[in-house]
Protein backbone atom coordinates (compact mmCIF):
# COMPACT_ATOMS: atom_id res chain seq x y z
CA UNK A 1 100.66 110.14 254.13
CA UNK A 2 99.57 110.50 250.07
CA UNK A 3 96.41 108.73 249.65
CA UNK A 4 94.85 107.41 246.80
CA UNK A 5 91.38 107.97 245.48
CA UNK A 6 90.31 104.36 245.97
CA UNK A 7 91.63 104.83 250.12
CA UNK A 8 89.61 108.13 251.04
CA UNK A 9 87.28 107.45 253.02
CA UNK A 10 86.05 111.14 253.40
CA UNK A 11 85.44 113.60 250.30
CA UNK A 12 84.16 117.27 249.62
CA UNK A 13 81.82 117.25 247.80
CA UNK A 14 79.64 120.36 246.67
CA UNK A 15 76.88 119.30 248.75
CA UNK A 16 76.64 122.35 250.99
CA UNK A 17 75.41 120.84 253.86
CA UNK A 18 77.75 117.74 253.74
CA UNK A 19 80.62 119.96 252.22
CA UNK A 20 80.76 121.64 255.91
CA UNK A 21 80.21 118.42 257.87
CA UNK A 22 83.46 116.96 255.87
CA UNK A 23 85.50 120.22 256.69
CA UNK A 24 84.40 119.87 259.97
CA UNK A 25 85.28 116.48 260.08
CA UNK A 26 88.74 116.97 259.04
CA UNK A 27 89.42 119.43 261.67
CA UNK A 28 88.36 117.28 264.10
CA UNK A 29 91.06 114.75 262.93
CA UNK A 30 93.06 117.44 262.97
CA UNK A 31 93.97 117.00 258.62
CA UNK A 32 94.18 119.46 256.51
CA UNK A 33 92.18 118.52 253.79
CA UNK A 34 89.58 115.88 254.46
CA UNK A 35 90.76 113.96 251.46
CA UNK A 36 93.67 113.53 253.62
CA UNK A 37 91.73 111.63 256.50
CA UNK A 38 92.36 108.86 257.04
CA UNK A 39 90.56 105.60 258.18
CA UNK A 40 91.94 105.59 262.01
CA UNK A 41 91.54 109.90 261.22
CA UNK A 42 87.79 108.87 260.91
CA UNK A 43 87.65 106.74 263.61
CA UNK A 44 88.69 108.77 266.13
CA UNK A 45 86.30 111.34 264.85
CA UNK A 46 83.54 108.70 265.42
CA UNK A 47 84.42 108.56 268.74
CA UNK A 48 84.30 111.75 269.76
CA UNK A 49 81.03 112.90 268.14
CA UNK A 50 79.80 109.74 270.12
CA UNK A 51 81.07 110.95 273.48
CA UNK A 52 78.97 114.67 272.69
CA UNK A 53 76.68 112.65 271.38
CA UNK A 54 76.06 110.49 274.36
CA UNK A 55 76.54 113.17 276.53
CA UNK A 56 74.39 115.45 275.10
CA UNK A 57 70.98 113.21 275.11
CA UNK A 58 72.01 111.86 278.48
CA UNK A 59 71.47 114.78 280.32
CA UNK A 60 68.00 115.88 282.16
CA UNK A 61 68.92 118.81 284.01
CA UNK A 62 67.70 121.49 281.16
CA UNK A 63 69.13 124.13 283.05
CA UNK A 64 72.52 122.55 283.14
CA UNK A 65 75.04 124.31 279.82
CA UNK A 66 75.51 120.64 278.10
CA UNK A 67 70.93 120.84 277.43
CA UNK A 68 72.00 124.02 274.95
CA UNK A 69 74.03 121.23 272.49
CA UNK A 70 70.63 119.13 272.85
CA UNK A 71 68.77 121.74 271.46
CA UNK A 72 71.54 121.61 269.18
CA UNK A 73 70.98 118.58 268.55
CA UNK A 74 66.98 118.44 268.43
CA UNK A 75 66.83 121.32 265.20
CA UNK A 76 69.03 119.76 263.22
CA UNK A 77 68.01 116.32 263.66
CA UNK A 78 64.37 116.12 265.82
CA UNK A 79 63.47 112.69 264.47
CA UNK A 80 67.08 110.68 265.49
CA UNK A 81 68.08 108.27 268.29
CA UNK A 82 69.57 110.14 269.58
CA UNK A 83 67.02 112.99 270.06
CA UNK A 84 63.82 111.64 269.81
CA UNK A 85 61.69 111.89 272.73
CA UNK A 86 61.12 108.32 273.76
CA UNK A 87 65.07 107.90 274.00
CA UNK A 88 66.97 106.38 277.25
CA UNK A 89 69.16 108.22 279.17
CA UNK A 90 71.62 105.46 279.76
CA UNK A 91 74.96 106.33 278.24
CA UNK A 92 75.41 102.54 277.87
CA UNK A 93 71.84 102.73 275.42
CA UNK A 94 72.68 105.27 273.98
CA UNK A 95 76.40 104.24 273.24
CA UNK A 96 74.79 101.33 271.26
CA UNK A 97 72.40 102.87 269.22
CA UNK A 98 75.00 105.84 267.91
CA UNK A 99 77.77 102.95 267.43
CA UNK A 100 74.84 101.78 264.74
CA UNK A 101 75.15 105.04 263.21
CA UNK A 102 78.53 105.83 262.47
CA UNK A 103 79.28 101.75 261.71
CA UNK A 104 81.34 100.61 258.44
CA UNK A 105 79.35 99.68 256.19
CA UNK A 106 78.61 95.43 256.11
CA UNK A 107 78.68 94.99 252.50
CA UNK A 108 80.38 97.82 250.15
CA UNK A 109 80.97 95.66 247.14
CA UNK A 110 76.79 95.34 247.14
CA UNK A 111 75.54 98.24 248.08
CA UNK A 112 74.50 102.02 245.73
CA UNK A 113 76.51 104.97 245.03
CA UNK A 114 76.22 107.23 248.11
CA UNK A 115 73.85 110.09 247.77
CA UNK A 116 76.52 113.01 248.31
CA UNK A 117 80.01 111.31 247.04
CA UNK A 118 79.17 108.46 245.34
CA UNK A 119 81.15 106.12 246.99
CA UNK A 120 79.74 103.09 247.29
CA UNK A 121 77.15 102.11 250.43
CA UNK A 122 75.17 99.94 252.58
CA UNK A 123 73.80 101.69 254.73
CA UNK A 124 70.33 103.62 254.22
CA UNK A 125 69.15 106.38 255.88
CA UNK A 126 66.32 108.46 256.22
CA UNK A 127 64.91 112.04 257.12
CA UNK A 128 65.48 111.30 260.44
CA UNK A 129 69.36 111.15 260.50
CA UNK A 130 69.88 113.39 257.69
CA UNK A 131 69.00 117.08 258.19
CA UNK A 132 66.85 119.02 255.37
CA UNK A 133 65.92 115.96 253.83
CA UNK A 134 62.16 115.32 252.84
CA UNK A 135 59.90 117.94 254.53
CA UNK A 136 56.50 116.25 256.13
CA UNK A 137 54.83 118.08 253.43
CA UNK A 138 56.60 115.86 251.13
CA UNK A 139 57.12 112.21 251.55
CA UNK A 140 56.98 109.92 248.78
CA UNK A 141 60.34 111.43 247.54
CA UNK A 142 62.44 108.25 247.85
CA UNK A 143 61.97 105.93 245.31
CA UNK A 144 59.06 103.04 244.98
CA UNK A 145 60.59 100.42 247.66
CA UNK A 146 63.67 102.16 248.81
CA UNK A 147 63.85 102.38 252.57
CA UNK A 148 66.57 105.92 252.73
CA UNK A 149 69.44 106.81 250.66
CA UNK A 150 72.76 105.33 250.57
CA UNK A 151 74.92 107.22 252.82
CA UNK A 152 78.83 105.71 253.23
CA UNK A 153 80.05 105.84 256.73
CA UNK A 154 82.67 108.86 255.82
CA UNK A 155 79.02 110.86 255.00
CA UNK A 156 77.20 109.65 257.46
CA UNK A 157 80.08 111.52 260.00
CA UNK A 158 80.81 114.04 257.94
CA UNK A 159 76.82 115.06 257.99
CA UNK A 160 76.81 114.48 262.08
CA UNK A 161 79.72 116.44 262.58
CA UNK A 162 77.99 119.37 260.34
CA UNK A 163 76.57 120.94 263.66
CA UNK A 164 80.91 121.62 264.54
CA UNK A 165 81.34 123.76 261.74
CA UNK A 166 77.91 124.86 261.16
CA UNK A 167 76.60 128.71 263.02
CA UNK A 168 73.99 127.11 265.48
CA UNK A 169 71.77 128.49 267.42
CA UNK A 170 69.26 126.65 269.37
CA UNK A 171 66.88 126.88 266.52
CA UNK A 172 68.98 126.86 263.11
CA UNK A 173 71.94 126.29 261.01
CA UNK A 174 73.72 128.46 258.65
CA UNK A 175 76.52 126.69 256.67
CA UNK A 176 78.95 128.62 254.66
CA UNK A 177 80.10 127.88 250.78
CA UNK A 178 82.56 130.11 249.05
CA UNK A 179 85.21 129.53 245.93
CA UNK A 180 88.23 129.97 248.24
CA UNK A 181 88.73 126.64 250.26
CA UNK A 182 90.31 129.02 253.18
CA UNK A 183 87.76 130.91 253.51
CA UNK A 184 85.01 128.01 253.90
CA UNK A 185 87.58 126.17 256.16
CA UNK A 186 88.54 129.61 258.57
CA UNK A 187 84.62 129.49 258.58
CA UNK A 188 84.89 125.49 260.44
CA UNK A 189 87.70 125.88 262.48
CA UNK A 190 85.94 129.65 264.29
CA UNK A 191 82.41 127.20 264.76
CA UNK A 192 84.15 125.02 266.34
CA UNK A 193 85.65 126.67 268.41
CA UNK A 194 81.96 127.68 269.46
CA UNK A 195 80.82 124.66 269.49
CA UNK A 196 82.92 123.52 271.94
CA UNK A 197 82.50 126.52 274.55
CA UNK A 198 78.34 125.86 274.19
CA UNK A 199 78.90 122.07 275.01
CA UNK A 200 80.42 123.27 277.93
CA UNK A 201 79.17 126.71 279.06
CA UNK A 202 75.93 126.91 276.95
CA UNK A 203 74.47 129.45 275.15
CA UNK A 204 74.83 132.39 277.22
CA UNK A 205 78.80 131.99 276.67
CA UNK A 206 79.06 133.55 273.21
CA UNK A 207 79.46 136.92 272.83
CA UNK A 208 76.55 138.85 271.46
CA UNK A 209 78.04 140.63 268.41
CA UNK A 210 78.79 137.73 266.43
CA UNK A 211 77.05 135.79 263.42
CA UNK A 212 77.53 134.11 260.19
CA UNK A 213 77.77 136.84 258.57
CA UNK A 214 80.44 138.51 261.00
CA UNK A 215 82.55 135.63 260.73
CA UNK A 216 82.44 135.22 256.96
CA UNK A 217 83.04 139.07 256.33
CA UNK A 218 86.39 138.46 258.33
CA UNK A 219 87.24 135.49 256.14
CA UNK A 220 86.73 136.88 253.13
CA UNK A 221 88.72 140.24 254.28
CA UNK A 222 91.72 138.21 254.71
CA UNK A 223 91.70 137.40 251.48
CA UNK A 224 93.46 140.90 250.75
CA UNK A 225 92.05 142.17 246.41
CA UNK A 226 90.84 138.48 244.96
CA UNK A 227 87.21 138.94 243.93
CA UNK A 228 85.31 135.96 245.54
CA UNK A 229 81.87 136.21 246.42
CA UNK A 230 80.01 133.87 249.44
CA UNK A 231 76.96 131.80 249.92
CA UNK A 232 75.14 131.08 253.17
CA UNK A 233 72.59 128.57 253.49
CA UNK A 234 69.97 128.99 256.55
CA UNK A 235 68.09 126.34 257.60
CA UNK A 236 65.84 124.91 260.38
CA UNK A 237 64.71 121.53 260.30
CA UNK A 238 62.32 121.00 263.46
CA UNK A 239 59.74 118.63 263.58
CA UNK A 240 56.96 121.94 262.28
CA UNK A 241 58.07 122.66 258.88
CA UNK A 242 61.64 122.52 256.87
CA UNK A 243 62.90 126.01 255.20
CA UNK A 244 66.24 127.10 253.84
CA UNK A 245 67.37 130.76 252.98
CA UNK A 246 70.06 131.56 250.97
CA UNK A 247 72.27 134.22 250.95
CA UNK A 248 75.54 135.73 248.61
CA UNK A 249 77.87 138.12 248.63
CA UNK A 250 79.18 139.72 245.76
CA UNK A 251 82.76 139.09 244.41
CA UNK A 252 83.96 143.11 245.02
CA UNK A 253 83.12 142.26 248.84
CA UNK A 254 86.95 141.00 249.88
CA UNK A 255 88.43 144.42 247.90
CA UNK A 256 85.73 146.19 249.67
CA UNK A 257 86.05 144.89 253.17
CA UNK A 258 90.22 145.92 253.15
CA UNK A 259 89.23 149.46 251.59
CA UNK A 260 86.66 150.33 254.30
CA UNK A 261 89.09 149.66 257.05
CA UNK A 262 91.86 151.28 255.38
CA UNK A 263 90.26 154.38 254.48
CA UNK A 264 88.96 156.31 258.49
CA UNK A 265 86.31 158.21 257.14
CA UNK A 266 84.21 154.81 255.65
CA UNK A 267 85.82 152.81 258.50
CA UNK A 268 83.66 155.67 260.98
CA UNK A 269 80.62 155.41 258.82
CA UNK A 270 80.66 151.64 259.33
CA UNK A 271 81.18 151.86 263.09
CA UNK A 272 78.20 154.56 263.23
CA UNK A 273 75.99 152.46 261.14
CA UNK A 274 76.54 149.47 263.51
CA UNK A 275 76.02 151.72 266.35
CA UNK A 276 72.85 152.66 264.40
CA UNK A 277 71.92 149.36 264.10
CA UNK A 278 72.32 148.58 267.92
CA UNK A 279 68.75 147.76 269.73
CA UNK A 280 68.67 147.34 273.36
CA UNK A 281 65.96 147.26 276.16
CA UNK A 282 64.72 149.99 278.74
CA UNK A 283 67.95 148.30 280.63
CA UNK A 284 70.44 149.48 278.31
CA UNK A 285 71.69 145.42 277.79
CA UNK A 286 72.20 144.77 274.24
CA UNK A 287 69.10 142.67 272.76
CA UNK A 288 69.97 143.08 268.82
CA UNK A 289 73.83 143.62 267.55
CA UNK A 290 74.76 146.09 265.23
CA UNK A 291 77.88 144.79 264.55
CA UNK A 292 75.94 141.43 263.58
CA UNK A 293 73.45 143.68 261.54
CA UNK A 294 75.28 145.71 259.88
CA UNK A 295 77.46 142.73 258.25
CA UNK A 296 74.02 141.36 256.88
CA UNK A 297 73.72 143.84 254.58
CA UNK A 298 76.76 142.90 252.63
CA UNK A 299 74.15 140.11 252.37
CA UNK A 300 71.76 139.38 249.09
CA UNK A 301 68.86 137.23 249.15
CA UNK A 302 69.54 134.55 246.10
CA UNK A 303 66.63 132.42 246.96
CA UNK A 304 63.88 134.89 248.00
CA UNK A 305 61.55 136.74 244.33
CA UNK A 306 59.62 139.51 245.54
CA UNK A 307 62.57 141.03 247.78
CA UNK A 308 64.06 143.92 247.45
CA UNK A 309 66.88 143.77 244.03
CA UNK A 310 70.49 143.56 246.52
CA UNK A 311 72.71 146.22 247.75
CA UNK A 312 71.31 146.51 250.79
CA UNK A 313 73.65 148.58 252.18
CA UNK A 314 73.01 151.39 250.72
CA UNK A 315 69.18 150.30 251.27
CA UNK A 316 70.29 150.61 255.14
CA UNK A 317 72.76 153.57 254.81
CA UNK A 318 69.11 155.93 253.05
CA UNK A 319 66.64 154.56 255.38
CA UNK A 320 69.15 155.77 258.05
CA UNK A 321 69.34 158.94 256.58
CA UNK A 322 66.44 159.44 256.51
CA UNK A 323 65.94 160.74 259.48
CA UNK A 324 68.51 163.68 259.74
CA UNK A 325 67.71 164.93 263.41
CA UNK A 326 69.49 161.54 264.46
CA UNK A 327 72.97 161.98 262.69
CA UNK A 328 75.37 164.71 263.01
CA UNK A 329 76.86 165.75 259.49
CA UNK A 330 79.81 164.80 260.06
CA UNK A 331 78.22 160.54 260.48
CA UNK A 332 76.18 162.04 257.51
CA UNK A 333 79.10 162.66 255.03
CA UNK A 334 81.09 158.84 256.65
CA UNK A 335 78.01 157.12 255.19
CA UNK A 336 78.34 159.15 251.83
CA UNK A 337 82.68 157.95 252.16
CA UNK A 338 80.97 154.60 252.45
CA UNK A 339 78.27 154.56 249.94
CA UNK A 340 80.80 155.77 247.20
CA UNK A 341 83.30 153.00 248.09
CA UNK A 342 80.30 150.71 248.44
CA UNK A 343 79.83 151.82 244.88
CA UNK A 344 83.47 152.54 242.88
CA UNK A 345 84.31 148.61 244.43
CA UNK A 346 81.43 146.77 244.27
CA UNK A 347 79.90 148.30 241.34
CA UNK A 348 82.50 149.68 239.18
CA UNK A 349 80.54 152.90 239.19
CA UNK A 350 81.80 157.12 238.55
CA UNK A 351 81.24 158.36 241.88
CA UNK A 352 82.49 161.26 240.34
CA UNK A 353 79.58 161.98 237.61
CA UNK A 354 76.84 163.13 239.49
CA UNK A 355 78.67 166.74 240.72
CA UNK A 356 77.20 168.01 237.92
CA UNK A 357 73.47 167.47 239.78
CA UNK A 358 74.84 168.06 242.99
CA UNK A 359 75.88 171.38 242.49
CA UNK A 360 72.42 172.27 240.78
CA UNK A 361 70.62 170.89 243.58
CA UNK A 362 72.67 172.60 246.76
CA UNK A 363 72.41 176.09 244.87
CA UNK A 364 69.02 175.91 244.50
CA UNK A 365 68.58 174.30 247.46
CA UNK A 366 70.67 177.99 249.10
CA UNK A 367 69.44 180.64 247.86
CA UNK A 368 65.95 180.17 248.63
CA UNK A 369 65.54 181.98 252.02
CA UNK A 370 63.88 178.57 253.57
CA UNK A 371 66.38 176.10 252.83
CA UNK A 372 65.16 173.86 255.11
CA UNK A 373 61.63 173.64 252.44
CA UNK A 374 63.37 173.33 249.42
CA UNK A 375 65.41 170.17 250.97
CA UNK A 376 62.05 168.43 252.04
CA UNK A 377 61.24 168.63 248.17
CA UNK A 378 64.04 167.73 246.99
CA UNK A 379 64.26 164.93 249.75
CA UNK A 380 60.60 163.53 248.15
CA UNK A 381 61.52 163.28 244.93
CA UNK A 382 65.01 161.66 245.72
CA UNK A 383 64.77 158.45 244.96
CA UNK A 384 61.89 158.63 241.74
CA UNK A 385 63.48 159.41 238.28
CA UNK A 386 60.62 160.91 237.45
CA UNK A 387 60.04 163.27 240.10
CA UNK A 388 63.94 164.02 240.14
CA UNK A 389 63.49 164.49 236.67
CA UNK A 390 61.40 167.00 237.13
CA UNK A 391 62.70 168.89 240.19
CA UNK A 392 66.35 169.23 237.88
CA UNK A 393 63.83 170.94 235.34
CA UNK A 394 62.47 173.03 238.06
CA UNK A 395 65.37 173.54 239.56
CA UNK A 396 67.65 175.06 236.60
CA UNK A 397 64.57 176.61 235.36
CA UNK A 398 64.79 178.58 238.29
CA UNK A 399 68.01 179.60 238.66
CA UNK A 400 68.65 180.85 235.32
CA UNK A 401 65.11 183.38 235.96
CA UNK A 402 66.95 184.68 239.16
CA UNK A 403 70.52 185.23 236.93
CA UNK A 404 72.75 182.26 238.00
CA UNK A 405 73.94 180.15 235.60
CA UNK A 406 73.37 176.32 236.67
CA UNK A 407 75.87 173.41 236.17
CA UNK A 408 75.29 171.42 233.28
CA UNK A 409 74.27 168.30 234.12
CA UNK A 410 73.33 166.95 230.36
CA UNK A 411 76.19 164.05 230.47
CA UNK A 412 75.17 162.40 234.11
CA UNK A 413 71.09 162.60 233.00
CA UNK A 414 71.40 159.65 231.69
CA UNK A 415 72.42 157.95 233.61
CA UNK A 416 70.70 159.33 236.76
CA UNK A 417 67.68 159.32 235.77
CA UNK A 418 67.42 155.70 234.03
CA UNK A 419 64.44 153.49 235.86
CA UNK A 420 67.38 150.40 236.66
CA UNK A 421 69.01 149.32 239.54
CA UNK A 422 71.59 151.52 238.39
CA UNK A 423 69.91 154.25 238.16
CA UNK A 424 69.14 153.96 241.71
CA UNK A 425 72.40 153.82 242.78
CA UNK A 426 73.04 157.16 241.70
CA UNK A 427 69.96 158.36 242.93
CA UNK A 428 71.19 157.23 246.79
CA UNK A 429 74.65 158.51 246.45
CA UNK A 430 73.55 161.55 244.50
CA UNK A 431 71.14 162.00 248.27
CA UNK A 432 74.25 161.62 249.91
CA UNK A 433 76.39 163.86 247.92
CA UNK A 434 73.66 166.71 248.60
CA UNK A 435 72.97 166.20 252.28
CA UNK A 436 76.88 166.10 253.13
CA UNK A 437 77.66 169.61 250.83
CA UNK A 438 74.39 171.17 252.46
CA UNK A 439 75.55 170.50 255.74
CA UNK A 440 79.60 171.55 254.77
CA UNK A 441 77.60 174.63 253.93
CA UNK A 442 75.93 175.31 257.37
CA UNK A 443 71.87 174.98 255.71
CA UNK A 444 69.45 174.38 258.81
CA UNK A 445 68.52 171.21 257.35
CA UNK A 446 67.50 169.63 260.79
CA UNK A 447 70.42 167.04 260.98
CA UNK A 448 72.41 166.94 264.62
CA UNK A 449 74.68 169.60 265.62
CA UNK A 450 75.74 168.12 269.12
CA UNK A 451 78.30 165.46 268.40
CA UNK A 452 77.26 161.54 268.13
CA UNK A 453 76.33 160.12 271.66
CA UNK A 454 74.80 157.55 272.78
CA UNK A 455 71.50 158.19 271.59
CA UNK A 456 72.22 156.38 268.44
CA UNK A 457 73.86 153.09 269.38
CA UNK A 458 70.38 152.92 271.59
CA UNK A 459 67.97 154.14 268.08
CA UNK A 460 65.63 151.28 267.10
CA UNK A 461 66.02 150.98 262.80
CA UNK A 462 62.40 150.20 262.50
CA UNK A 463 61.26 153.68 264.21
CA UNK A 464 62.33 155.47 260.56
CA UNK A 465 58.90 155.90 258.72
CA UNK A 466 58.07 153.84 255.93
CA UNK A 467 58.65 157.36 253.22
CA UNK A 468 62.47 157.67 253.66
CA UNK A 469 62.28 154.63 252.20
CA UNK A 470 63.59 155.34 248.64
CA UNK A 471 61.70 153.08 246.22
CA UNK A 472 61.93 149.53 245.21
CA UNK A 473 63.78 148.88 241.81
CA UNK A 474 63.61 145.69 240.17
CA UNK A 475 66.28 144.09 237.74
């Protein structure tokens, strides 16, 4: 059945929360697209949502698995009729309350345009029924005399289908937007399955190694070579203080993911990073997923001034590698491959251009009877272009005095020593190149010589000293 625009009861808008909810409602209706949802399908979705809401809101036993879904609802709609502390616990009373939430508009012709999709709407909703609208600090943003925002029935249902399509915790939710419809839909489908598990068995039934980021990357990976980014909108809407955080991937991430899992050394580097970021308690139980933490390195903050400007993956790799004693040469070489791939695919950089600088530094280190001392001197200068410039000049001068023939770094010097982000990226890559080459040459610079073991998996990513971090560079 093909619906005309006039017949459409559920529209997909550009608002991230409505968009996620509309897709979730379409999946609940078993429709391919929100625009394909018929009035009868929308009635079925409203009945399904109402049944779930009544079940969760009438739970008395806080140890019951169904109570976890009520905690999700409370986090998103803390002042709503079905989460308020003074609500009735009687299912019959709750059905009447919920029925009013999703009832049809009494007089659409006399209504105003819906705040989300623009269709006629005569039902007004305030922030007690909508997540992420006015915070308690800004209560006077509505026009004078208006009791709420006009919201049509389709968008009302979408905004309460939101928890099914988003990545939810007991205190927050994450929605995803992407130019590729298939990626958005897959994100919603996977979260819908997760929501059903929470409703029936609680949060304890969920795997520990998944997150909104891992679900998004899995969907992006299936895009193949197509270049597109995605945005995650993480928000909390409680009675204390509502907040929103936004992170996004770069357009080259789908291609990067495809190649990452096609190249064994890069895949090994990704696995080593996941193990290094895994946190465990004293009994060995995982307390923080390394897979989720690694996935987050491919999402850059876009809404927080003053935060590091992107490239969280390279920053994390450099931070981990700052303590060589924790990792074998094989792991460090795998991280070099991972760093190279990221810069080549995501930033289109020529990673081979640092070769002369790598040869100069490694030659200067290896001719000294104490390679560890010269390596430490390089490591302290590696990130800052002014310090690295002086070290490169000193190294070339020393090799000349010793009768050597230092490589010509003129072609890469300007890019490598630039005080911008591209210069920082090349200096980070050079660090991995130097370390991997020193390991190949057998230099005693302090890396592990025994095979990687569970020690890497249990390492705490916060254990590295701050001096090991590369300098922050703004664009």
